[in-house]
Amino acid sequence: MPEHYEAELEINDFPQNARWKVTHKETLGPISEWTGAAITTRGQYYPPGRIPGPGERKLYLFIEGPTEQSVKRAKAELKRVLEDITNQASSLPGSAQPGRYSVV
């Protein structure tokens, strides 16, 4: 019987651009191929101050793979991406969050 390993990484409280980055296939595909782990987005986004009700979960990534090492590598890489994006956002002048649209 093949072994199965799982981990979770909560992403709800990271900035929007960091959450966006780690939930899209352009990021998840290469990490999944490199580590052999499957990564699934689960839960729901809750703004600061809002608490999930019974049976509800904050937004998180569910990571599963054939080996403990594959899951650990995927989780570590996802954390690195989240932290890189968060650090980039906080180093912008005035800590402004970049938006999708610009005011003309």
PDB file of N, CA and C in Angstrom:
ATOM      1  N   MET A   1       0.834  -1.181   0.000  1.00  0.00           N
ATOM      2  CA  MET A   1       0.000   0.000   0.000  1.00  0.00           C
ATOM      3  C   MET A   1       0.886   1.255   0.000  1.00  0.00           C
ATOM      4  N   PRO A   2       0.697   2.135  -0.987  1.00  0.00           N
ATOM      5  CA  PRO A   2       1.544   3.338  -1.055  1.00  0.00           C
ATOM      6  C   PRO A   2       1.254   4.292   0.104  1.00  0.00           C
ATOM      7  N   GLU A   3       2.306   4.970   0.546  1.00  0.00           N
ATOM      8  CA  GLU A   3       2.135   5.916   1.643  1.00  0.00           C
ATOM      9  C   GLU A   3       1.590   7.236   1.113  1.00  0.00           C
ATOM     10  N   HIS A   4       0.978   7.977   2.005  1.00  0.00           N
ATOM     11  CA  HIS A   4       0.338   9.235   1.631  1.00  0.00           C
ATOM     12  C   HIS A   4       0.600  10.256   2.735  1.00  0.00           C
ATOM     13  N   TYR A   5       1.125  11.412   2.367  1.00  0.00           N
ATOM     14  CA  TYR A   5       1.437  12.453   3.343  1.00  0.00           C
ATOM     15  C   TYR A   5       0.648  13.711   3.017  1.00  0.00           C
ATOM     16  N   GLU A   6       0.275  14.451   4.062  1.00  0.00           N
ATOM     17  CA  GLU A   6      -0.525  15.662   3.896  1.00  0.00           C
ATOM     18  C   GLU A   6       0.006  16.777   4.785  1.00  0.00           C
ATOM     19  N   ALA A   7      -0.240  18.011   4.354  1.00  0.00           N
ATOM     20  CA  ALA A   7       0.070  19.192   5.168  1.00  0.00           C
ATOM     21  C   ALA A   7      -0.884  20.302   4.748  1.00  0.00           C
ATOM     22  N   GLU A   8      -1.009  21.291   5.615  1.00  0.00           N
ATOM     23  CA  GLU A   8      -1.840  22.449   5.311  1.00  0.00           C
ATOM     24  C   GLU A   8      -1.020  23.713   5.539  1.00  0.00           C
ATOM     25  N   LEU A   9      -1.309  24.725   4.748  1.00  0.00           N
ATOM     26  CA  LEU A   9      -0.645  26.018   4.890  1.00  0.00           C
ATOM     27  C   LEU A   9      -1.716  27.099   4.785  1.00  0.00           C
ATOM     28  N   GLU A  10      -2.012  27.747   5.913  1.00  0.00           N
ATOM     29  CA  GLU A  10      -3.042  28.791   5.900  1.00  0.00           C
ATOM     30  C   GLU A  10      -2.504  30.029   5.197  1.00  0.00           C
ATOM     31  N   ILE A  11      -3.281  30.542   4.244  1.00  0.00           N
ATOM     32  CA  ILE A  11      -2.861  31.711   3.470  1.00  0.00           C
ATOM     33  C   ILE A  11      -3.816  32.890   3.634  1.00  0.00           C
ATOM     34  N   ASN A  12      -4.865  32.721   4.388  1.00  0.00           N
ATOM     35  CA  ASN A  12      -5.924  33.725   4.529  1.00  0.00           C
ATOM     36  C   ASN A  12      -5.402  35.108   4.931  1.00  0.00           C
ATOM     37  N   ASP A  13      -4.445  35.161   5.854  1.00  0.00           N
ATOM     38  CA  ASP A  13      -4.021  36.444   6.410  1.00  0.00           C
ATOM     39  C   ASP A  13      -2.866  37.104   5.664  1.00  0.00           C
ATOM     40  N   PHE A  14      -2.422  36.513   4.560  1.00  0.00           N
ATOM     41  CA  PHE A  14      -1.394  37.137   3.733  1.00  0.00           C
ATOM     42  C   PHE A  14      -2.050  38.199   2.846  1.00  0.00           C
ATOM     43  N   PRO A  15      -1.273  39.167   2.339  1.00  0.00           N
ATOM     44  CA  PRO A  15      -1.847  40.181   1.444  1.00  0.00           C
ATOM     45  C   PRO A  15      -2.488  39.541   0.204  1.00  0.00           C
ATOM     46  N   GLN A  16      -3.442  40.257  -0.393  1.00  0.00           N
ATOM     47  CA  GLN A  16      -4.185  39.716  -1.526  1.00  0.00           C
ATOM     48  C   GLN A  16      -3.278  39.267  -2.668  1.00  0.00           C
ATOM     49  N   ASN A  17      -2.255  40.071  -3.006  1.00  0.00           N
ATOM     50  CA  ASN A  17      -1.398  39.698  -4.131  1.00  0.00           C
ATOM     51  C   ASN A  17      -0.595  38.430  -3.832  1.00  0.00           C
ATOM     52  N   ALA A  18      -0.245  38.185  -2.582  1.00  0.00           N
ATOM     53  CA  ALA A  18       0.463  36.953  -2.214  1.00  0.00           C
ATOM     54  C   ALA A  18      -0.482  35.752  -2.299  1.00  0.00           C
ATOM     55  N   ARG A  19      -1.720  35.921  -1.811  1.00  0.00           N
ATOM     56  CA  ARG A  19      -2.713  34.836  -1.915  1.00  0.00           C
ATOM     57  C   ARG A  19      -2.977  34.501  -3.376  1.00  0.00           C
ATOM     58  N   TRP A  20      -3.110  35.537  -4.201  1.00  0.00           N
ATOM     59  CA  TRP A  20      -3.382  35.334  -5.628  1.00  0.00           C
ATOM     60  C   TRP A  20      -2.255  34.520  -6.268  1.00  0.00           C
ATOM     61  N   LYS A  21      -1.020  34.904  -5.956  1.00  0.00           N
ATOM     62  CA  LYS A  21       0.150  34.258  -6.566  1.00  0.00           C
ATOM     63  C   LYS A  21       0.186  32.756  -6.272  1.00  0.00           C
ATOM     64  N   VAL A  22      -0.071  32.364  -5.023  1.00  0.00           N
ATOM     65  CA  VAL A  22       0.054  30.948  -4.662  1.00  0.00           C
ATOM     66  C   VAL A  22      -1.204  30.122  -4.935  1.00  0.00           C
ATOM     67  N   THR A  23      -2.231  30.740  -5.516  1.00  0.00           N
ATOM     68  CA  THR A  23      -3.422  29.957  -5.845  1.00  0.00           C
ATOM     69  C   THR A  23      -3.612  29.809  -7.352  1.00  0.00           C
ATOM     70  N   HIS A  24      -2.676  30.309  -8.148  1.00  0.00           N
ATOM     71  CA  HIS A  24      -2.806  30.202  -9.597  1.00  0.00           C
ATOM     72  C   HIS A  24      -1.819  29.204 -10.186  1.00  0.00           C
ATOM     73  N   LYS A  25      -2.253  28.589 -11.275  1.00  0.00           N
ATOM     74  CA  LYS A  25      -1.494  27.476 -11.853  1.00  0.00           C
ATOM     75  C   LYS A  25      -0.097  27.861 -12.321  1.00  0.00           C
ATOM     76  N   GLU A  26       0.125  29.149 -12.627  1.00  0.00           N
ATOM     77  CA  GLU A  26       1.463  29.568 -13.052  1.00  0.00           C
ATOM     78  C   GLU A  26       2.486  29.355 -11.935  1.00  0.00           C
ATOM     79  N   THR A  27       2.036  29.391 -10.702  1.00  0.00           N
ATOM     80  CA  THR A  27       2.908  29.144  -9.550  1.00  0.00           C
ATOM     81  C   THR A  27       2.808  27.690  -9.100  1.00  0.00           C
ATOM     82  N   LEU A  28       1.580  27.191  -8.989  1.00  0.00           N
ATOM     83  CA  LEU A  28       1.366  25.840  -8.454  1.00  0.00           C
ATOM     84  C   LEU A  28       1.904  24.745  -9.371  1.00  0.00           C
ATOM     85  N   GLY A  29       1.764  24.916 -10.687  1.00  0.00           N
ATOM     86  CA  GLY A  29       2.199  23.887 -11.636  1.00  0.00           C
ATOM     87  C   GLY A  29       3.661  23.501 -11.473  1.00  0.00           C
ATOM     88  N   PRO A  30       4.572  24.483 -11.579  1.00  0.00           N
ATOM     89  CA  PRO A  30       5.997  24.154 -11.431  1.00  0.00           C
ATOM     90  C   PRO A  30       6.354  23.574 -10.057  1.00  0.00           C
ATOM     91  N   ILE A  31       5.735  24.090  -8.993  1.00  0.00           N
ATOM     92  CA  ILE A  31       6.025  23.567  -7.647  1.00  0.00           C
ATOM     93  C   ILE A  31       5.557  22.119  -7.548  1.00  0.00           C
ATOM     94  N   SER A  32       4.387  21.858  -8.085  1.00  0.00           N
ATOM     95  CA  SER A  32       3.834  20.504  -8.061  1.00  0.00           C
ATOM     96  C   SER A  32       4.708  19.541  -8.868  1.00  0.00           C
ATOM     97  N   GLU A  33       5.143  19.980 -10.053  1.00  0.00           N
ATOM     98  CA  GLU A  33       6.013  19.130 -10.883  1.00  0.00           C
ATOM     99  C   GLU A  33       7.345  18.873 -10.198  1.00  0.00           C
ATOM    100  N   TRP A  34       7.929  19.907  -9.608  1.00  0.00           N
ATOM    101  CA  TRP A  34       9.238  19.801  -8.974  1.00  0.00           C
ATOM    102  C   TRP A  34       9.212  18.897  -7.751  1.00  0.00           C
ATOM    103  N   THR A  35       8.141  18.976  -6.961  1.00  0.00           N
ATOM    104  CA  THR A  35       8.099  18.233  -5.700  1.00  0.00           C
ATOM    105  C   THR A  35       7.335  16.915  -5.787  1.00  0.00           C
ATOM    106  N   GLY A  36       6.449  16.784  -6.767  1.00  0.00           N
ATOM    107  CA  GLY A  36       5.616  15.588  -6.862  1.00  0.00           C
ATOM    108  C   GLY A  36       4.399  15.643  -5.953  1.00  0.00           C
ATOM    109  N   ALA A  37       4.156  16.799  -5.337  1.00  0.00           N
ATOM    110  CA  ALA A  37       3.012  16.961  -4.432  1.00  0.00           C
ATOM    111  C   ALA A  37       1.857  17.639  -5.163  1.00  0.00           C
ATOM    112  N   ALA A  38       0.641  17.288  -4.780  1.00  0.00           N
ATOM    113  CA  ALA A  38      -0.550  17.942  -5.312  1.00  0.00           C
ATOM    114  C   ALA A  38      -0.953  19.052  -4.344  1.00  0.00           C
ATOM    115  N   ILE A  39      -1.318  20.212  -4.894  1.00  0.00           N
ATOM    116  CA  ILE A  39      -1.661  21.364  -4.065  1.00  0.00           C
ATOM    117  C   ILE A  39      -3.066  21.827  -4.441  1.00  0.00           C
ATOM    118  N   THR A  40      -3.936  21.920  -3.439  1.00  0.00           N
ATOM    119  CA  THR A  40      -5.326  22.296  -3.658  1.00  0.00           C
ATOM    120  C   THR A  40      -5.685  23.469  -2.757  1.00  0.00           C
ATOM    121  N   THR A  41      -6.397  24.454  -3.315  1.00  0.00           N
ATOM    122  CA  THR A  41      -6.886  25.579  -2.513  1.00  0.00           C
ATOM    123  C   THR A  41      -8.186  25.164  -1.850  1.00  0.00           C
ATOM    124  N   ARG A  42      -8.271  25.390  -0.554  1.00  0.00           N
ATOM    125  CA  ARG A  42      -9.479  25.033   0.201  1.00  0.00           C
ATOM    126  C   ARG A  42      -9.841  26.159   1.165  1.00  0.00           C
ATOM    127  N   GLY A  43     -11.050  26.085   1.687  1.00  0.00           N
ATOM    128  CA  GLY A  43     -11.509  27.094   2.632  1.00  0.00           C
ATOM    129  C   GLY A  43     -12.040  28.316   1.916  1.00  0.00           C
ATOM    130  N   GLN A  44     -12.227  29.373   2.685  1.00  0.00           N
ATOM    131  CA  GLN A  44     -12.822  30.599   2.166  1.00  0.00           C
ATOM    132  C   GLN A  44     -12.092  31.780   2.774  1.00  0.00           C
ATOM    133  N   TYR A  45     -11.978  32.868   1.999  1.00  0.00           N
ATOM    134  CA  TYR A  45     -11.310  34.061   2.518  1.00  0.00           C
ATOM    135  C   TYR A  45     -12.196  34.756   3.551  1.00  0.00           C
ATOM    136  N   TYR A  46     -11.581  35.112   4.680  1.00  0.00           N
ATOM    137  CA  TYR A  46     -12.256  35.875   5.723  1.00  0.00           C
ATOM    138  C   TYR A  46     -11.457  37.144   5.967  1.00  0.00           C
ATOM    139  N   PRO A  47     -12.095  38.324   5.840  1.00  0.00           N
ATOM    140  CA  PRO A  47     -11.377  39.572   6.101  1.00  0.00           C
ATOM    141  C   PRO A  47     -10.965  39.670   7.569  1.00  0.00           C
ATOM    142  N   PRO A  48      -9.985  40.529   7.870  1.00  0.00           N
ATOM    143  CA  PRO A  48      -9.541  40.684   9.259  1.00  0.00           C
ATOM    144  C   PRO A  48     -10.714  41.013  10.180  1.00  0.00           C
ATOM    145  N   GLY A  49     -10.748  40.353  11.320  1.00  0.00           N
ATOM    146  CA  GLY A  49     -11.798  40.584  12.294  1.00  0.00           C
ATOM    147  C   GLY A  49     -13.006  39.671  12.142  1.00  0.00           C
ATOM    148  N   ARG A  50     -13.131  39.019  11.005  1.00  0.00           N
ATOM    149  CA  ARG A  50     -14.263  38.108  10.804  1.00  0.00           C
ATOM    150  C   ARG A  50     -13.807  36.692  11.149  1.00  0.00           C
ATOM    151  N   ILE A  51     -14.587  36.012  11.952  1.00  0.00           N
ATOM    152  CA  ILE A  51     -14.226  34.671  12.421  1.00  0.00           C
ATOM    153  C   ILE A  51     -15.095  33.639  11.709  1.00  0.00           C
ATOM    154  N   PRO A  52     -14.480  32.571  11.195  1.00  0.00           N
ATOM    155  CA  PRO A  52     -15.266  31.521  10.531  1.00  0.00           C
ATOM    156  C   PRO A  52     -16.253  30.871  11.499  1.00  0.00           C
ATOM    157  N   GLY A  53     -17.412  30.518  10.988  1.00  0.00           N
ATOM    158  CA  GLY A  53     -18.416  29.845  11.794  1.00  0.00           C
ATOM    159  C   GLY A  53     -18.098  28.367  11.944  1.00  0.00           C
ATOM    160  N   PRO A  54     -18.954  27.639  12.653  1.00  0.00           N
ATOM    161  CA  PRO A  54     -18.746  26.197  12.836  1.00  0.00           C
ATOM    162  C   PRO A  54     -18.703  25.479  11.483  1.00  0.00           C
ATOM    163  N   GLY A  55     -17.719  24.628  11.315  1.00  0.00           N
ATOM    164  CA  GLY A  55     -17.585  23.861  10.080  1.00  0.00           C
ATOM    165  C   GLY A  55     -16.974  24.642   8.929  1.00  0.00           C
ATOM    166  N   GLU A  56     -16.628  25.917   9.149  1.00  0.00           N
ATOM    167  CA  GLU A  56     -16.008  26.730   8.106  1.00  0.00           C
ATOM    168  C   GLU A  56     -14.519  26.860   8.396  1.00  0.00           C
ATOM    169  N   ARG A  57     -13.744  27.084   7.338  1.00  0.00           N
ATOM    170  CA  ARG A  57     -12.289  27.224   7.490  1.00  0.00           C
ATOM    171  C   ARG A  57     -11.808  28.446   6.735  1.00  0.00           C
ATOM    172  N   LYS A  58     -10.778  29.089   7.285  1.00  0.00           N
ATOM    173  CA  LYS A  58     -10.123  30.177   6.566  1.00  0.00           C
ATOM    174  C   LYS A  58      -9.412  29.589   5.347  1.00  0.00           C
ATOM    175  N   LEU A  59      -9.084  30.442   4.395  1.00  0.00           N
ATOM    176  CA  LEU A  59      -8.433  30.033   3.156  1.00  0.00           C
ATOM    177  C   LEU A  59      -7.075  29.376   3.442  1.00  0.00           C
ATOM    178  N   TYR A  60      -6.854  28.199   2.864  1.00  0.00           N
ATOM    179  CA  TYR A  60      -5.587  27.494   3.064  1.00  0.00           C
ATOM    180  C   TYR A  60      -5.261  26.623   1.855  1.00  0.00           C
ATOM    181  N   LEU A  61      -4.015  26.193   1.789  1.00  0.00           N
ATOM    182  CA  LEU A  61      -3.579  25.261   0.755  1.00  0.00           C
ATOM    183  C   LEU A  61      -3.441  23.882   1.385  1.00  0.00           C
ATOM    184  N   PHE A  62      -4.012  22.885   0.722  1.00  0.00           N
ATOM    185  CA  PHE A  62      -3.909  21.498   1.157  1.00  0.00           C
ATOM    186  C   PHE A  62      -2.859  20.849   0.264  1.00  0.00           C
ATOM    187  N   ILE A  63      -1.816  20.312   0.877  1.00  0.00           N
ATOM    188  CA  ILE A  63      -0.687  19.739   0.141  1.00  0.00           C
ATOM    189  C   ILE A  63      -0.632  18.252   0.438  1.00  0.00           C
ATOM    190  N   GLU A  64      -0.616  17.433  -0.604  1.00  0.00           N
ATOM    191  CA  GLU A  64      -0.520  15.985  -0.398  1.00  0.00           C
ATOM    192  C   GLU A  64       0.464  15.395  -1.397  1.00  0.00           C
ATOM    193  N   GLY A  65       1.180  14.357  -0.936  1.00  0.00           N
ATOM    194  CA  GLY A  65       2.178  13.753  -1.797  1.00  0.00           C
ATOM    195  C   GLY A  65       2.541  12.353  -1.355  1.00  0.00           C
ATOM    196  N   PRO A  66       3.334  11.679  -2.195  1.00  0.00           N
ATOM    197  CA  PRO A  66       3.700  10.290  -1.933  1.00  0.00           C
ATOM    198  C   PRO A  66       4.762  10.124  -0.847  1.00  0.00           C
ATOM    199  N   THR A  67       5.530  11.191  -0.588  1.00  0.00           N
ATOM    200  CA  THR A  67       6.568  11.110   0.445  1.00  0.00           C
ATOM    201  C   THR A  67       6.484  12.334   1.356  1.00  0.00           C
ATOM    202  N   GLU A  68       6.975  12.161   2.567  1.00  0.00           N
ATOM    203  CA  GLU A  68       7.006  13.276   3.510  1.00  0.00           C
ATOM    204  C   GLU A  68       7.871  14.406   2.952  1.00  0.00           C
ATOM    205  N   GLN A  69       8.977  14.035   2.312  1.00  0.00           N
ATOM    206  CA  GLN A  69       9.903  15.021   1.746  1.00  0.00           C
ATOM    207  C   GLN A  69       9.239  15.854   0.652  1.00  0.00           C
ATOM    208  N   SER A  70       8.430  15.228  -0.205  1.00  0.00           N
ATOM    209  CA  SER A  70       7.773  15.974  -1.288  1.00  0.00           C
ATOM    210  C   SER A  70       6.813  17.014  -0.718  1.00  0.00           C
ATOM    211  N   VAL A  71       6.099  16.652   0.330  1.00  0.00           N
ATOM    212  CA  VAL A  71       5.148  17.571   0.960  1.00  0.00           C
ATOM    213  C   VAL A  71       5.896  18.705   1.665  1.00  0.00           C
ATOM    214  N   LYS A  72       6.980  18.375   2.367  1.00  0.00           N
ATOM    215  CA  LYS A  72       7.765  19.397   3.066  1.00  0.00           C
ATOM    216  C   LYS A  72       8.381  20.387   2.080  1.00  0.00           C
ATOM    217  N   ARG A  73       8.903  19.872   0.952  1.00  0.00           N
ATOM    218  CA  ARG A  73       9.506  20.757  -0.049  1.00  0.00           C
ATOM    219  C   ARG A  73       8.472  21.694  -0.659  1.00  0.00           C
ATOM    220  N   ALA A  74       7.291  21.148  -0.976  1.00  0.00           N
ATOM    221  CA  ALA A  74       6.227  21.971  -1.560  1.00  0.00           C
ATOM    222  C   ALA A  74       5.797  23.058  -0.573  1.00  0.00           C
ATOM    223  N   LYS A  75       5.614  22.692   0.685  1.00  0.00           N
ATOM    224  CA  LYS A  75       5.183  23.661   1.701  1.00  0.00           C
ATOM    225  C   LYS A  75       6.242  24.748   1.887  1.00  0.00           C
ATOM    226  N   ALA A  76       7.503  24.355   1.923  1.00  0.00           N
ATOM    227  CA  ALA A  76       8.588  25.320   2.096  1.00  0.00           C
ATOM    228  C   ALA A  76       8.648  26.290   0.917  1.00  0.00           C
ATOM    229  N   GLU A  77       8.479  25.786  -0.293  1.00  0.00           N
ATOM    230  CA  GLU A  77       8.524  26.645  -1.478  1.00  0.00           C
ATOM    231  C   GLU A  77       7.326  27.599  -1.504  1.00  0.00           C
ATOM    232  N   LEU A  78       6.159  27.110  -1.137  1.00  0.00           N
ATOM    233  CA  LEU A  78       4.971  27.968  -1.081  1.00  0.00           C
ATOM    234  C   LEU A  78       5.146  29.072  -0.038  1.00  0.00           C
ATOM    235  N   LYS A  79       5.716  28.720   1.117  1.00  0.00           N
ATOM    236  CA  LYS A  79       5.982  29.719   2.160  1.00  0.00           C
ATOM    237  C   LYS A  79       6.956  30.775   1.643  1.00  0.00           C
ATOM    238  N   ARG A  80       7.980  30.323   0.922  1.00  0.00           N
ATOM    239  CA  ARG A  80       8.975  31.252   0.377  1.00  0.00           C
ATOM    240  C   ARG A  80       8.318  32.245  -0.576  1.00  0.00           C
ATOM    241  N   VAL A  81       7.456  31.746  -1.469  1.00  0.00           N
ATOM    242  CA  VAL A  81       6.764  32.617  -2.422  1.00  0.00           C
ATOM    243  C   VAL A  81       5.888  33.622  -1.672  1.00  0.00           C
ATOM    244  N   LEU A  82       5.125  33.143  -0.687  1.00  0.00           N
ATOM    245  CA  LEU A  82       4.263  34.032   0.102  1.00  0.00           C
ATOM    246  C   LEU A  82       5.080  35.130   0.790  1.00  0.00           C
ATOM    247  N   GLU A  83       6.195  34.742   1.397  1.00  0.00           N
ATOM    248  CA  GLU A  83       7.017  35.707   2.119  1.00  0.00           C
ATOM    249  C   GLU A  83       7.684  36.694   1.170  1.00  0.00           C
ATOM    250  N   ASP A  84       8.142  36.213  -0.001  1.00  0.00           N
ATOM    251  CA  ASP A  84       8.752  37.107  -0.991  1.00  0.00           C
ATOM    252  C   ASP A  84       7.764  38.178  -1.446  1.00  0.00           C
ATOM    253  N   ILE A  85       6.555  37.762  -1.795  1.00  0.00           N
ATOM    254  CA  ILE A  85       5.537  38.706  -2.269  1.00  0.00           C
ATOM    255  C   ILE A  85       5.150  39.673  -1.148  1.00  0.00           C
ATOM    256  N   THR A  86       5.001  39.157   0.064  1.00  0.00           N
ATOM    257  CA  THR A  86       4.641  40.003   1.204  1.00  0.00           C
ATOM    258  C   THR A  86       5.737  41.029   1.476  1.00  0.00           C
ATOM    259  N   ASN A  87       7.000  40.607   1.412  1.00  0.00           N
ATOM    260  CA  ASN A  87       8.116  41.525   1.645  1.00  0.00           C
ATOM    261  C   ASN A  87       8.208  42.576   0.546  1.00  0.00           C
ATOM    262  N   GLN A  88       7.944  42.193  -0.694  1.00  0.00           N
ATOM    263  CA  GLN A  88       7.957  43.153  -1.804  1.00  0.00           C
ATOM    264  C   GLN A  88       6.880  44.210  -1.583  1.00  0.00           C
ATOM    265  N   ALA A  89       5.702  43.775  -1.167  1.00  0.00           N
ATOM    266  CA  ALA A  89       4.585  44.701  -0.954  1.00  0.00           C
ATOM    267  C   ALA A  89       4.893  45.667   0.183  1.00  0.00           C
ATOM    268  N   SER A  90       5.515  45.173   1.244  1.00  0.00           N
ATOM    269  CA  SER A  90       5.780  46.041   2.393  1.00  0.00           C
ATOM    270  C   SER A  90       6.951  46.984   2.134  1.00  0.00           C
ATOM    271  N   SER A  91       7.753  46.721   1.099  1.00  0.00           N
ATOM    272  CA  SER A  91       8.875  47.608   0.805  1.00  0.00           C
ATOM    273  C   SER A  91       8.497  48.698  -0.197  1.00  0.00           C
ATOM    274  N   LEU A  92       7.258  48.683  -0.689  1.00  0.00           N
ATOM    275  CA  LEU A  92       6.803  49.737  -1.590  1.00  0.00           C
ATOM    276  C   LEU A  92       6.655  51.033  -0.805  1.00  0.00           C
ATOM    277  N   PRO A  93       6.859  52.182  -1.455  1.00  0.00           N
ATOM    278  CA  PRO A  93       6.702  53.463  -0.746  1.00  0.00           C
ATOM    279  C   PRO A  93       5.318  53.576  -0.123  1.00  0.00           C
ATOM    280  N   GLY A  94       5.277  53.905   1.144  1.00  0.00           N
ATOM    281  CA  GLY A  94       4.002  54.047   1.837  1.00  0.00           C
ATOM    282  C   GLY A  94       3.285  52.737   2.041  1.00  0.00           C
ATOM    283  N   SER A  95       3.969  51.632   1.830  1.00  0.00           N
ATOM    284  CA  SER A  95       3.379  50.296   1.950  1.00  0.00           C
ATOM    285  C   SER A  95       2.091  50.167   1.146  1.00  0.00           C
ATOM    286  N   ALA A  96       2.055  50.823   0.008  1.00  0.00           N
ATOM    287  CA  ALA A  96       0.869  50.757  -0.854  1.00  0.00           C
ATOM    288  C   ALA A  96       0.784  49.386  -1.491  1.00  0.00           C
ATOM    289  N   GLN A  97      -0.408  48.867  -1.565  1.00  0.00           N
ATOM    290  CA  GLN A  97      -0.627  47.592  -2.233  1.00  0.00           C
ATOM    291  C   GLN A  97      -0.814  47.869  -3.719  1.00  0.00           C
ATOM    292  N   PRO A  98      -0.085  47.169  -4.592  1.00  0.00           N
ATOM    293  CA  PRO A  98      -0.286  47.398  -6.016  1.00  0.00           C
ATOM    294  C   PRO A  98      -1.677  46.924  -6.429  1.00  0.00           C
ATOM    295  N   GLY A  99      -2.336  47.689  -7.259  1.00  0.00           N
ATOM    296  CA  GLY A  99      -3.675  47.329  -7.704  1.00  0.00           C
ATOM    297  C   GLY A  99      -3.661  46.839  -9.130  1.00  0.00           C
ATOM    298  N   ARG A 100      -4.771  46.320  -9.542  1.00  0.00           N
ATOM    299  CA  ARG A 100      -4.891  45.829 -10.900  1.00  0.00           C
ATOM    300  C   ARG A 100      -5.113  46.988 -11.870  1.00  0.00           C
ATOM    301  N   TYR A 101      -5.704  48.077 -11.380  1.00  0.00           N
ATOM    302  CA  TYR A 101      -6.034  49.210 -12.236  1.00  0.00           C
ATOM    303  C   TYR A 101      -5.261  50.435 -11.783  1.00  0.00           C
ATOM    304  N   SER A 102      -4.984  51.324 -12.730  1.00  0.00           N
ATOM    305  CA  SER A 102      -4.333  52.573 -12.352  1.00  0.00           C
ATOM    306  C   SER A 102      -5.273  53.727 -12.651  1.00  0.00           C
ATOM    307  N   VAL A 103      -5.172  54.751 -11.856  1.00  0.00           N
ATOM    308  CA  VAL A 103      -5.999  55.934 -12.047  1.00  0.00           C
ATOM    309  C   VAL A 103      -5.313  56.801 -13.084  1.00  0.00           C
ATOM    310  N   VAL A 104      -6.066  57.197 -14.097  1.00  0.00           N
ATOM    311  CA  VAL A 104      -5.474  57.977 -15.191  1.00  0.00           C
ATOM    312  C   VAL A 104      -5.795  59.438 -15.033  1.00  0.00           C
TER     313      VAL A 104
END
